[in-house]
Full PDB file with SEQRES, HELIX, SHEET, SSBOND, CRYST1, ORIGX, SCALE, CONECT and MASTER records, all heavy atoms in Angstrom:
SEQRES   1 A   40  LEU VAL GLN ALA GLY GLY SER LEU ARG LEU SER CYS ALA          
SEQRES   2 A   40  ALA SER GLY ARG THR PHE SER ARG PHE ALA MET GLY TRP          
SEQRES   3 A   40  PHE ARG GLN ALA PRO GLY LYS GLU CYS GLU PHE VAL ALA          
SEQRES   4 A   40  THR                                                          
HELIX    1 AA1 PHE A   19  ARG A   21  5                                   3    
SHEET    1 AA1 2 TRP A  26  ARG A  28  0                                        
SHEET    2 AA1 2 GLU A  36  ALA A  39 -1                                        
CRYST1    1.000    1.000    1.000  90.00  90.00  90.00 P 1           1          
ORIGX1      1.000000  0.000000  0.000000        0.00000                         
ORIGX2      0.000000  1.000000  0.000000        0.00000                         
ORIGX3      0.000000  0.000000  1.000000        0.00000                         
SCALE1      1.000000  0.000000  0.000000        0.00000                         
SCALE2      0.000000  1.000000  0.000000        0.00000                         
SCALE3      0.000000  0.000000  1.000000        0.00000                         
ATOM      1  N   LEU A   1      86.378 181.535  94.874  1.00  0.00           N  
ATOM      2  CA  LEU A   1      87.808 181.325  94.691  1.00  0.00           C  
ATOM      3  C   LEU A   1      88.141 179.890  95.072  1.00  0.00           C  
ATOM      4  O   LEU A   1      87.770 179.423  96.148  1.00  0.00           O  
ATOM      5  CB  LEU A   1      88.566 182.296  95.589  1.00  0.00           C  
ATOM      6  CG  LEU A   1      90.094 182.336  95.490  1.00  0.00           C  
ATOM      7  CD1 LEU A   1      90.518 182.825  94.129  1.00  0.00           C  
ATOM      8  CD2 LEU A   1      90.648 183.245  96.579  1.00  0.00           C  
ATOM      9  N   VAL A   2      88.829 179.197  94.183  1.00  0.00           N  
ATOM     10  CA  VAL A   2      89.161 177.797  94.453  1.00  0.00           C  
ATOM     11  C   VAL A   2      90.555 177.506  93.919  1.00  0.00           C  
ATOM     12  O   VAL A   2      90.972 178.078  92.909  1.00  0.00           O  
ATOM     13  CB  VAL A   2      88.115 176.858  93.814  1.00  0.00           C  
ATOM     14  CG1 VAL A   2      88.079 177.020  92.314  1.00  0.00           C  
ATOM     15  CG2 VAL A   2      88.356 175.412  94.197  1.00  0.00           C  
ATOM     16  N   GLN A   3      91.233 176.618  94.595  1.00  0.00           N  
ATOM     17  CA  GLN A   3      92.569 176.249  94.178  1.00  0.00           C  
ATOM     18  C   GLN A   3      92.508 175.327  92.966  1.00  0.00           C  
ATOM     19  O   GLN A   3      91.570 174.525  92.828  1.00  0.00           O  
ATOM     20  CB  GLN A   3      93.309 175.549  95.314  1.00  0.00           C  
ATOM     21  CG  GLN A   3      94.795 175.339  95.059  1.00  0.00           C  
ATOM     22  CD  GLN A   3      95.528 174.862  96.300  1.00  0.00           C  
ATOM     23  OE1 GLN A   3      94.916 174.375  97.259  1.00  0.00           O  
ATOM     24  NE2 GLN A   3      96.834 175.019  96.311  1.00  0.00           N  
ATOM     25  N   ALA A   4      93.502 175.425  92.102  1.00  0.00           N  
ATOM     26  CA  ALA A   4      93.577 174.527  90.946  1.00  0.00           C  
ATOM     27  C   ALA A   4      93.529 173.080  91.426  1.00  0.00           C  
ATOM     28  O   ALA A   4      94.178 172.716  92.402  1.00  0.00           O  
ATOM     29  CB  ALA A   4      94.840 174.795  90.158  1.00  0.00           C  
ATOM     30  N   GLY A   5      92.741 172.287  90.722  1.00  0.00           N  
ATOM     31  CA  GLY A   5      92.531 170.906  91.128  1.00  0.00           C  
ATOM     32  C   GLY A   5      91.357 170.713  92.036  1.00  0.00           C  
ATOM     33  O   GLY A   5      90.933 169.583  92.286  1.00  0.00           O  
ATOM     34  N   GLY A   6      90.816 171.809  92.516  1.00  0.00           N  
ATOM     35  CA  GLY A   6      89.686 171.745  93.430  1.00  0.00           C  
ATOM     36  C   GLY A   6      88.360 171.646  92.716  1.00  0.00           C  
ATOM     37  O   GLY A   6      88.295 171.494  91.487  1.00  0.00           O  
ATOM     38  N   SER A   7      87.303 171.737  93.509  1.00  0.00           N  
ATOM     39  CA  SER A   7      85.943 171.562  92.987  1.00  0.00           C  
ATOM     40  C   SER A   7      85.066 172.731  93.380  1.00  0.00           C  
ATOM     41  O   SER A   7      85.336 173.431  94.360  1.00  0.00           O  
ATOM     42  CB  SER A   7      85.339 170.264  93.540  1.00  0.00           C  
ATOM     43  OG  SER A   7      86.140 169.144  93.244  1.00  0.00           O  
ATOM     44  N   LEU A   8      84.005 172.888  92.617  1.00  0.00           N  
ATOM     45  CA  LEU A   8      83.046 173.951  92.885  1.00  0.00           C  
ATOM     46  C   LEU A   8      81.695 173.509  92.344  1.00  0.00           C  
ATOM     47  O   LEU A   8      81.638 172.801  91.332  1.00  0.00           O  
ATOM     48  CB  LEU A   8      83.493 175.245  92.206  1.00  0.00           C  
ATOM     49  CG  LEU A   8      83.097 176.590  92.830  1.00  0.00           C  
ATOM     50  CD1 LEU A   8      83.580 176.696  94.265  1.00  0.00           C  
ATOM     51  CD2 LEU A   8      83.666 177.717  91.991  1.00  0.00           C  
ATOM     52  N   ARG A   9      80.652 173.926  93.016  1.00  0.00           N  
ATOM     53  CA  ARG A   9      79.304 173.599  92.551  1.00  0.00           C  
ATOM     54  C   ARG A   9      78.526 174.889  92.344  1.00  0.00           C  
ATOM     55  O   ARG A   9      78.297 175.641  93.291  1.00  0.00           O  
ATOM     56  CB  ARG A   9      78.572 172.719  93.549  1.00  0.00           C  
ATOM     57  CG  ARG A   9      77.195 172.251  93.078  1.00  0.00           C  
ATOM     58  CD  ARG A   9      76.495 171.464  94.157  1.00  0.00           C  
ATOM     59  NE  ARG A   9      75.368 170.700  93.664  1.00  0.00           N  
ATOM     60  CZ  ARG A   9      74.165 170.698  94.230  1.00  0.00           C  
ATOM     61  NH1 ARG A   9      73.955 171.429  95.311  1.00  0.00           N  
ATOM     62  NH2 ARG A   9      73.193 169.954  93.740  1.00  0.00           N  
ATOM     63  N   LEU A  10      78.130 175.128  91.105  1.00  0.00           N  
ATOM     64  CA  LEU A  10      77.322 176.285  90.785  1.00  0.00           C  
ATOM     65  C   LEU A  10      75.855 175.890  90.754  1.00  0.00           C  
ATOM     66  O   LEU A  10      75.516 174.778  90.367  1.00  0.00           O  
ATOM     67  CB  LEU A  10      77.725 176.855  89.431  1.00  0.00           C  
ATOM     68  CG  LEU A  10      79.200 177.192  89.230  1.00  0.00           C  
ATOM     69  CD1 LEU A  10      79.413 177.817  87.857  1.00  0.00           C  
ATOM     70  CD2 LEU A  10      79.712 178.106  90.329  1.00  0.00           C  
ATOM     71  N   SER A  11      75.023 176.839  91.161  1.00  0.00           N  
ATOM     72  CA  SER A  11      73.584 176.605  91.127  1.00  0.00           C  
ATOM     73  C   SER A  11      72.899 177.736  90.384  1.00  0.00           C  
ATOM     74  O   SER A  11      73.405 178.858  90.333  1.00  0.00           O  
ATOM     75  CB  SER A  11      73.020 176.513  92.546  1.00  0.00           C  
ATOM     76  OG  SER A  11      73.558 175.403  93.232  1.00  0.00           O  
ATOM     77  N   CYS A  12      71.755 177.421  89.833  1.00  0.00           N  
ATOM     78  CA  CYS A  12      70.958 178.410  89.119  1.00  0.00           C  
ATOM     79  C   CYS A  12      69.502 178.180  89.509  1.00  0.00           C  
ATOM     80  O   CYS A  12      68.959 177.094  89.300  1.00  0.00           O  
ATOM     81  CB  CYS A  12      71.143 178.257  87.622  1.00  0.00           C  
ATOM     82  SG  CYS A  12      70.085 179.325  86.609  1.00  0.00           S  
ATOM     83  N   ALA A  13      68.905 179.205  90.082  1.00  0.00           N  
ATOM     84  CA  ALA A  13      67.506 179.132  90.473  1.00  0.00           C  
ATOM     85  C   ALA A  13      66.659 179.878  89.458  1.00  0.00           C  
ATOM     86  O   ALA A  13      66.973 181.025  89.100  1.00  0.00           O  
ATOM     87  CB  ALA A  13      67.322 179.740  91.856  1.00  0.00           C  
ATOM     88  N   ALA A  14      65.609 179.239  88.995  1.00  0.00           N  
ATOM     89  CA  ALA A  14      64.743 179.823  87.979  1.00  0.00           C  
ATOM     90  C   ALA A  14      63.385 180.166  88.563  1.00  0.00           C  
ATOM     91  O   ALA A  14      62.830 179.424  89.370  1.00  0.00           O  
ATOM     92  CB  ALA A  14      64.570 178.852  86.820  1.00  0.00           C  
ATOM     93  N   SER A  15      62.856 181.284  88.138  1.00  0.00           N  
ATOM     94  CA  SER A  15      61.508 181.674  88.551  1.00  0.00           C  
ATOM     95  C   SER A  15      60.503 181.144  87.536  1.00  0.00           C  
ATOM     96  O   SER A  15      60.863 180.696  86.452  1.00  0.00           O  
ATOM     97  CB  SER A  15      61.406 183.195  88.629  1.00  0.00           C  
ATOM     98  OG  SER A  15      61.545 183.743  87.327  1.00  0.00           O  
ATOM     99  N   GLY A  16      59.246 181.209  87.880  1.00  0.00           N  
ATOM    100  CA  GLY A  16      58.206 180.809  86.944  1.00  0.00           C  
ATOM    101  C   GLY A  16      57.842 179.346  87.059  1.00  0.00           C  
ATOM    102  O   GLY A  16      58.566 178.541  87.641  1.00  0.00           O  
ATOM    103  N   ARG A  17      56.706 179.017  86.456  1.00  0.00           N  
ATOM    104  CA  ARG A  17      56.186 177.666  86.555  1.00  0.00           C  
ATOM    105  C   ARG A  17      56.437 176.840  85.314  1.00  0.00           C  
ATOM    106  O   ARG A  17      55.939 175.738  85.184  1.00  0.00           O  
ATOM    107  CB  ARG A  17      54.681 177.725  86.828  1.00  0.00           C  
ATOM    108  CG  ARG A  17      54.339 178.326  88.174  1.00  0.00           C  
ATOM    109  CD  ARG A  17      52.845 178.421  88.366  1.00  0.00           C  
ATOM    110  NE  ARG A  17      52.255 179.431  87.498  1.00  0.00           N  
ATOM    111  CZ  ARG A  17      50.959 179.692  87.455  1.00  0.00           C  
ATOM    112  NH1 ARG A  17      50.120 179.012  88.198  1.00  0.00           N  
ATOM    113  NH2 ARG A  17      50.495 180.626  86.661  1.00  0.00           N  
ATOM    114  N   THR A  18      57.234 177.388  84.382  1.00  0.00           N  
ATOM    115  CA  THR A  18      57.447 176.685  83.113  1.00  0.00           C  
ATOM    116  C   THR A  18      58.867 176.188  82.959  1.00  0.00           C  
ATOM    117  O   THR A  18      59.327 175.924  81.860  1.00  0.00           O  
ATOM    118  CB  THR A  18      57.118 177.625  81.941  1.00  0.00           C  
ATOM    119  OG1 THR A  18      57.963 178.779  82.013  1.00  0.00           O  
ATOM    120  CG2 THR A  18      55.666 178.042  81.979  1.00  0.00           C  
ATOM    121  N   PHE A  19      59.566 176.058  84.063  1.00  0.00           N  
ATOM    122  CA  PHE A  19      60.979 175.663  84.015  1.00  0.00           C  
ATOM    123  C   PHE A  19      61.174 174.376  83.236  1.00  0.00           C  
ATOM    124  O   PHE A  19      62.121 174.233  82.474  1.00  0.00           O  
ATOM    125  CB  PHE A  19      61.478 175.504  85.447  1.00  0.00           C  
ATOM    126  CG  PHE A  19      62.906 175.059  85.556  1.00  0.00           C  
ATOM    127  CD1 PHE A  19      63.937 175.917  85.214  1.00  0.00           C  
ATOM    128  CD2 PHE A  19      63.221 173.784  86.004  1.00  0.00           C  
ATOM    129  CE1 PHE A  19      65.263 175.522  85.321  1.00  0.00           C  
ATOM    130  CE2 PHE A  19      64.535 173.374  86.111  1.00  0.00           C  
ATOM    131  CZ  PHE A  19      65.557 174.239  85.768  1.00  0.00           C  
ATOM    132  N   SER A  20      60.291 173.436  83.400  1.00  0.00           N  
ATOM    133  CA  SER A  20      60.452 172.128  82.765  1.00  0.00           C  
ATOM    134  C   SER A  20      60.272 172.170  81.250  1.00  0.00           C  
ATOM    135  O   SER A  20      60.504 171.173  80.575  1.00  0.00           O  
ATOM    136  CB  SER A  20      59.462 171.121  83.372  1.00  0.00           C  
ATOM    137  OG  SER A  20      58.136 171.544  83.158  1.00  0.00           O  
ATOM    138  N   ARG A  21      59.863 173.304  80.703  1.00  0.00           N  
ATOM    139  CA  ARG A  21      59.719 173.446  79.260  1.00  0.00           C  
ATOM    140  C   ARG A  21      61.012 173.902  78.592  1.00  0.00           C  
ATOM    141  O   ARG A  21      61.085 173.981  77.365  1.00  0.00           O  
ATOM    142  CB  ARG A  21      58.619 174.453  78.928  1.00  0.00           C  
ATOM    143  CG  ARG A  21      57.243 174.055  79.415  1.00  0.00           C  
ATOM    144  CD  ARG A  21      56.206 175.108  79.031  1.00  0.00           C  
ATOM    145  NE  ARG A  21      54.888 174.818  79.579  1.00  0.00           N  
ATOM    146  CZ  ARG A  21      53.836 175.613  79.437  1.00  0.00           C  
ATOM    147  NH1 ARG A  21      53.955 176.742  78.769  1.00  0.00           N  
ATOM    148  NH2 ARG A  21      52.693 175.275  79.977  1.00  0.00           N  
ATOM    149  N   PHE A  22      62.017 174.197  79.412  1.00  0.00           N  
ATOM    150  CA  PHE A  22      63.248 174.764  78.893  1.00  0.00           C  
ATOM    151  C   PHE A  22      64.420 173.796  79.001  1.00  0.00           C  
ATOM    152  O   PHE A  22      64.622 173.162  80.054  1.00  0.00           O  
ATOM    153  CB  PHE A  22      63.619 176.034  79.652  1.00  0.00           C  
ATOM    154  CG  PHE A  22      62.685 177.175  79.415  1.00  0.00           C  
ATOM    155  CD1 PHE A  22      61.525 177.316  80.160  1.00  0.00           C  
ATOM    156  CD2 PHE A  22      62.971 178.127  78.445  1.00  0.00           C  
ATOM    157  CE1 PHE A  22      60.668 178.375  79.952  1.00  0.00           C  
ATOM    158  CE2 PHE A  22      62.118 179.189  78.231  1.00  0.00           C  
ATOM    159  CZ  PHE A  22      60.961 179.321  78.975  1.00  0.00           C  
ATOM    160  N   ALA A  23      65.182 173.709  77.918  1.00  0.00           N  
ATOM    161  CA  ALA A  23      66.516 173.128  78.038  1.00  0.00           C  
ATOM    162  C   ALA A  23      67.376 174.166  78.748  1.00  0.00           C  
ATOM    163  O   ALA A  23      67.160 175.368  78.591  1.00  0.00           O  
ATOM    164  CB  ALA A  23      67.085 172.814  76.662  1.00  0.00           C  
ATOM    165  N   MET A  24      68.322 173.701  79.524  1.00  0.00           N  
ATOM    166  CA  MET A  24      69.162 174.617  80.298  1.00  0.00           C  
ATOM    167  C   MET A  24      70.622 174.459  79.908  1.00  0.00           C  
ATOM    168  O   MET A  24      71.064 173.363  79.532  1.00  0.00           O  
ATOM    169  CB  MET A  24      68.998 174.339  81.794  1.00  0.00           C  
ATOM    170  CG  MET A  24      67.584 174.520  82.323  1.00  0.00           C  
ATOM    171  SD  MET A  24      66.973 176.207  82.122  1.00  0.00           S  
ATOM    172  CE  MET A  24      68.108 177.100  83.208  1.00  0.00           C  
ATOM    173  N   GLY A  25      71.337 175.549  80.004  1.00  0.00           N  
ATOM    174  CA  GLY A  25      72.741 175.497  79.647  1.00  0.00           C  
ATOM    175  C   GLY A  25      73.583 176.356  80.562  1.00  0.00           C  
ATOM    176  O   GLY A  25      73.076 177.236  81.256  1.00  0.00           O  
ATOM    177  N   TRP A  26      74.865 176.046  80.552  1.00  0.00           N  
ATOM    178  CA  TRP A  26      75.848 176.878  81.242  1.00  0.00           C  
ATOM    179  C   TRP A  26      76.869 177.344  80.207  1.00  0.00           C  
ATOM    180  O   TRP A  26      77.327 176.562  79.352  1.00  0.00           O  
ATOM    181  CB  TRP A  26      76.566 176.094  82.345  1.00  0.00           C  
ATOM    182  CG  TRP A  26      75.752 175.877  83.588  1.00  0.00           C  
ATOM    183  CD1 TRP A  26      74.980 174.792  83.885  1.00  0.00           C  
ATOM    184  CD2 TRP A  26      75.638 176.769  84.704  1.00  0.00           C  
ATOM    185  NE1 TRP A  26      74.387 174.959  85.121  1.00  0.00           N  
ATOM    186  CE2 TRP A  26      74.780 176.152  85.642  1.00  0.00           C  
ATOM    187  CE3 TRP A  26      76.185 178.015  85.014  1.00  0.00           C  
ATOM    188  CZ2 TRP A  26      74.455 176.755  86.863  1.00  0.00           C  
ATOM    189  CZ3 TRP A  26      75.856 178.599  86.215  1.00  0.00           C  
ATOM    190  CH2 TRP A  26      75.009 177.977  87.132  1.00  0.00           C  
ATOM    191  N   PHE A  27      77.204 178.606  80.313  1.00  0.00           N  
ATOM    192  CA  PHE A  27      78.210 179.208  79.461  1.00  0.00           C  
ATOM    193  C   PHE A  27      79.192 179.950  80.353  1.00  0.00           C  
ATOM    194  O   PHE A  27      78.900 180.237  81.512  1.00  0.00           O  
ATOM    195  CB  PHE A  27      77.565 180.191  78.478  1.00  0.00           C  
ATOM    196  CG  PHE A  27      76.612 179.542  77.514  1.00  0.00           C  
ATOM    197  CD1 PHE A  27      75.321 179.228  77.896  1.00  0.00           C  
ATOM    198  CD2 PHE A  27      77.011 179.253  76.224  1.00  0.00           C  
ATOM    199  CE1 PHE A  27      74.432 178.621  77.014  1.00  0.00           C  
ATOM    200  CE2 PHE A  27      76.137 178.646  75.331  1.00  0.00           C  
ATOM    201  CZ  PHE A  27      74.848 178.332  75.734  1.00  0.00           C  
ATOM    202  N   ARG A  28      80.333 180.275  79.803  1.00  0.00           N  
ATOM    203  CA  ARG A  28      81.288 181.071  80.568  1.00  0.00           C  
ATOM    204  C   ARG A  28      81.951 182.084  79.646  1.00  0.00           C  
ATOM    205  O   ARG A  28      82.044 181.891  78.441  1.00  0.00           O  
ATOM    206  CB  ARG A  28      82.340 180.185  81.223  1.00  0.00           C  
ATOM    207  CG  ARG A  28      83.282 179.470  80.256  1.00  0.00           C  
ATOM    208  CD  ARG A  28      84.186 178.519  81.011  1.00  0.00           C  
ATOM    209  NE  ARG A  28      85.135 177.842  80.126  1.00  0.00           N  
ATOM    210  CZ  ARG A  28      85.938 176.857  80.508  1.00  0.00           C  
ATOM    211  NH1 ARG A  28      85.912 176.425  81.769  1.00  0.00           N  
ATOM    212  NH2 ARG A  28      86.775 176.306  79.640  1.00  0.00           N  
ATOM    213  N   GLN A  29      82.386 183.159  80.261  1.00  0.00           N  
ATOM    214  CA  GLN A  29      83.091 184.186  79.505  1.00  0.00           C  
ATOM    215  C   GLN A  29      84.224 184.736  80.348  1.00  0.00           C  
ATOM    216  O   GLN A  29      83.989 185.266  81.443  1.00  0.00           O  
ATOM    217  CB  GLN A  29      82.151 185.308  79.078  1.00  0.00           C  
ATOM    218  CG  GLN A  29      82.809 186.300  78.135  1.00  0.00           C  
ATOM    219  CD  GLN A  29      81.799 187.175  77.427  1.00  0.00           C  
ATOM    220  OE1 GLN A  29      80.686 187.375  77.889  1.00  0.00           O  
ATOM    221  NE2 GLN A  29      82.195 187.701  76.271  1.00  0.00           N  
ATOM    222  N   ALA A  30      85.420 184.610  79.833  1.00  0.00           N  
ATOM    223  CA  ALA A  30      86.604 185.162  80.481  1.00  0.00           C  
ATOM    224  C   ALA A  30      86.900 186.519  79.871  1.00  0.00           C  
ATOM    225  O   ALA A  30      86.483 186.802  78.738  1.00  0.00           O  
ATOM    226  CB  ALA A  30      87.781 184.208  80.286  1.00  0.00           C  
ATOM    227  N   PRO A  31      87.615 187.375  80.577  1.00  0.00           N  
ATOM    228  CA  PRO A  31      87.931 188.706  80.046  1.00  0.00           C  
ATOM    229  C   PRO A  31      88.618 188.630  78.688  1.00  0.00           C  
ATOM    230  O   PRO A  31      89.567 187.872  78.501  1.00  0.00           O  
ATOM    231  CB  PRO A  31      88.868 189.281  81.113  1.00  0.00           C  
ATOM    232  CG  PRO A  31      88.487 188.569  82.361  1.00  0.00           C  
ATOM    233  CD  PRO A  31      88.128 187.176  81.931  1.00  0.00           C  
ATOM    234  N   GLY A  32      88.109 189.383  77.738  1.00  0.00           N  
ATOM    235  CA  GLY A  32      88.708 189.431  76.421  1.00  0.00           C  
ATOM    236  C   GLY A  32      88.394 188.248  75.532  1.00  0.00           C  
ATOM    237  O   GLY A  32      88.901 188.163  74.416  1.00  0.00           O  
ATOM    238  N   LYS A  33      87.558 187.345  76.010  1.00  0.00           N  
ATOM    239  CA  LYS A  33      87.215 186.155  75.229  1.00  0.00           C  
ATOM    240  C   LYS A  33      85.717 186.098  74.952  1.00  0.00           C  
ATOM    241  O   LYS A  33      84.922 186.734  75.626  1.00  0.00           O  
ATOM    242  CB  LYS A  33      87.659 184.890  75.966  1.00  0.00           C  
ATOM    243  CG  LYS A  33      89.165 184.773  76.137  1.00  0.00           C  
ATOM    244  CD  LYS A  33      89.548 183.426  76.709  1.00  0.00           C  
ATOM    245  CE  LYS A  33      91.060 183.284  76.825  1.00  0.00           C  
ATOM    246  NZ  LYS A  33      91.441 181.945  77.372  1.00  0.00           N  
ATOM    247  N   GLU A  34      85.375 185.317  73.961  1.00  0.00           N  
ATOM    248  CA  GLU A  34      83.969 185.165  73.608  1.00  0.00           C  
ATOM    249  C   GLU A  34      83.272 184.226  74.588  1.00  0.00           C  
ATOM    250  O   GLU A  34      83.903 183.421  75.277  1.00  0.00           O  
ATOM    251  CB  GLU A  34      83.850 184.617  72.183  1.00  0.00           C  
ATOM    252  CG  GLU A  34      84.320 185.587  71.115  1.00  0.00           C  
ATOM    253  CD  GLU A  34      84.068 185.069  69.717  1.00  0.00           C  
ATOM    254  OE1 GLU A  34      83.603 183.927  69.574  1.00  0.00           O  
ATOM    255  OE2 GLU A  34      84.333 185.822  68.771  1.00  0.00           O  
ATOM    256  N   CYS A  35      81.966 184.325  74.584  1.00  0.00           N  
ATOM    257  CA  CYS A  35      81.147 183.436  75.397  1.00  0.00           C  
ATOM    258  C   CYS A  35      81.364 181.997  74.927  1.00  0.00           C  
ATOM    259  O   CYS A  35      81.320 181.710  73.737  1.00  0.00           O  
ATOM    260  CB  CYS A  35      79.688 183.834  75.261  1.00  0.00           C  
ATOM    261  SG  CYS A  35      78.562 182.860  76.268  1.00  0.00           S  
ATOM    262  N   GLU A  36      81.569 181.113  75.878  1.00  0.00           N  
ATOM    263  CA  GLU A  36      81.903 179.721  75.571  1.00  0.00           C  
ATOM    264  C   GLU A  36      80.883 178.785  76.200  1.00  0.00           C  
ATOM    265  O   GLU A  36      80.607 178.858  77.392  1.00  0.00           O  
ATOM    266  CB  GLU A  36      83.301 179.394  76.113  1.00  0.00           C  
ATOM    267  CG  GLU A  36      83.750 177.965  75.898  1.00  0.00           C  
ATOM    268  CD  GLU A  36      85.069 177.661  76.582  1.00  0.00           C  
ATOM    269  OE1 GLU A  36      85.506 178.457  77.422  1.00  0.00           O  
ATOM    270  OE2 GLU A  36      85.653 176.603  76.280  1.00  0.00           O  
ATOM    271  N   PHE A  37      80.358 177.897  75.412  1.00  0.00           N  
ATOM    272  CA  PHE A  37      79.425 176.892  75.901  1.00  0.00           C  
ATOM    273  C   PHE A  37      80.171 175.837  76.710  1.00  0.00           C  
ATOM    274  O   PHE A  37      81.246 175.381  76.279  1.00  0.00           O  
ATOM    275  CB  PHE A  37      78.725 176.232  74.708  1.00  0.00           C  
ATOM    276  CG  PHE A  37      78.113 174.900  75.010  1.00  0.00           C  
ATOM    277  CD1 PHE A  37      76.959 174.806  75.768  1.00  0.00           C  
ATOM    278  CD2 PHE A  37      78.700 173.737  74.545  1.00  0.00           C  
ATOM    279  CE1 PHE A  37      76.397 173.575  76.052  1.00  0.00           C  
ATOM    280  CE2 PHE A  37      78.146 172.502  74.810  1.00  0.00           C  
ATOM    281  CZ  PHE A  37      76.997 172.413  75.571  1.00  0.00           C  
ATOM    282  N   VAL A  38      79.617 175.444  77.888  1.00  0.00           N  
ATOM    283  CA  VAL A  38      80.290 174.424  78.682  1.00  0.00           C  
ATOM    284  C   VAL A  38      79.391 173.238  79.043  1.00  0.00           C  
ATOM    285  O   VAL A  38      79.907 172.155  79.363  1.00  0.00           O  
ATOM    286  CB  VAL A  38      80.917 175.002  79.972  1.00  0.00           C  
ATOM    287  CG1 VAL A  38      82.043 175.965  79.645  1.00  0.00           C  
ATOM    288  CG2 VAL A  38      79.872 175.646  80.866  1.00  0.00           C  
ATOM    289  N   ALA A  39      78.072 173.412  79.013  1.00  0.00           N  
ATOM    290  CA  ALA A  39      77.212 172.274  79.356  1.00  0.00           C  
ATOM    291  C   ALA A  39      75.762 172.593  79.023  1.00  0.00           C  
ATOM    292  O   ALA A  39      75.346 173.739  79.091  1.00  0.00           O  
ATOM    293  CB  ALA A  39      77.312 171.938  80.845  1.00  0.00           C  
ATOM    294  N   THR A  40      75.006 171.555  78.674  1.00  0.00           N  
ATOM    295  CA  THR A  40      73.577 171.713  78.461  1.00  0.00           C  
ATOM    296  C   THR A  40      72.858 170.448  78.888  1.00  0.00           C  
ATOM    297  O   THR A  40      73.441 169.364  78.871  1.00  0.00           O  
ATOM    298  CB  THR A  40      73.249 172.050  76.997  1.00  0.00           C  
ATOM    299  OG1 THR A  40      71.836 172.267  76.867  1.00  0.00           O  
ATOM    300  CG2 THR A  40      73.643 170.914  76.071  1.00  0.00           C  
TER     301      THR A  40                                                      
MASTER        0    0    0    1    2    0    0    6  300    1    0    4          
END                                                                             
């Protein structure tokens, strides 16, 4: 939970030894909305 105008840092930990072979992305989905791409 964060106030409007504030900041947040999300992290994603991956298992396996092949992480460097993958492009990574972040997506988001709000209730009633489609999955939305936000970063890669």
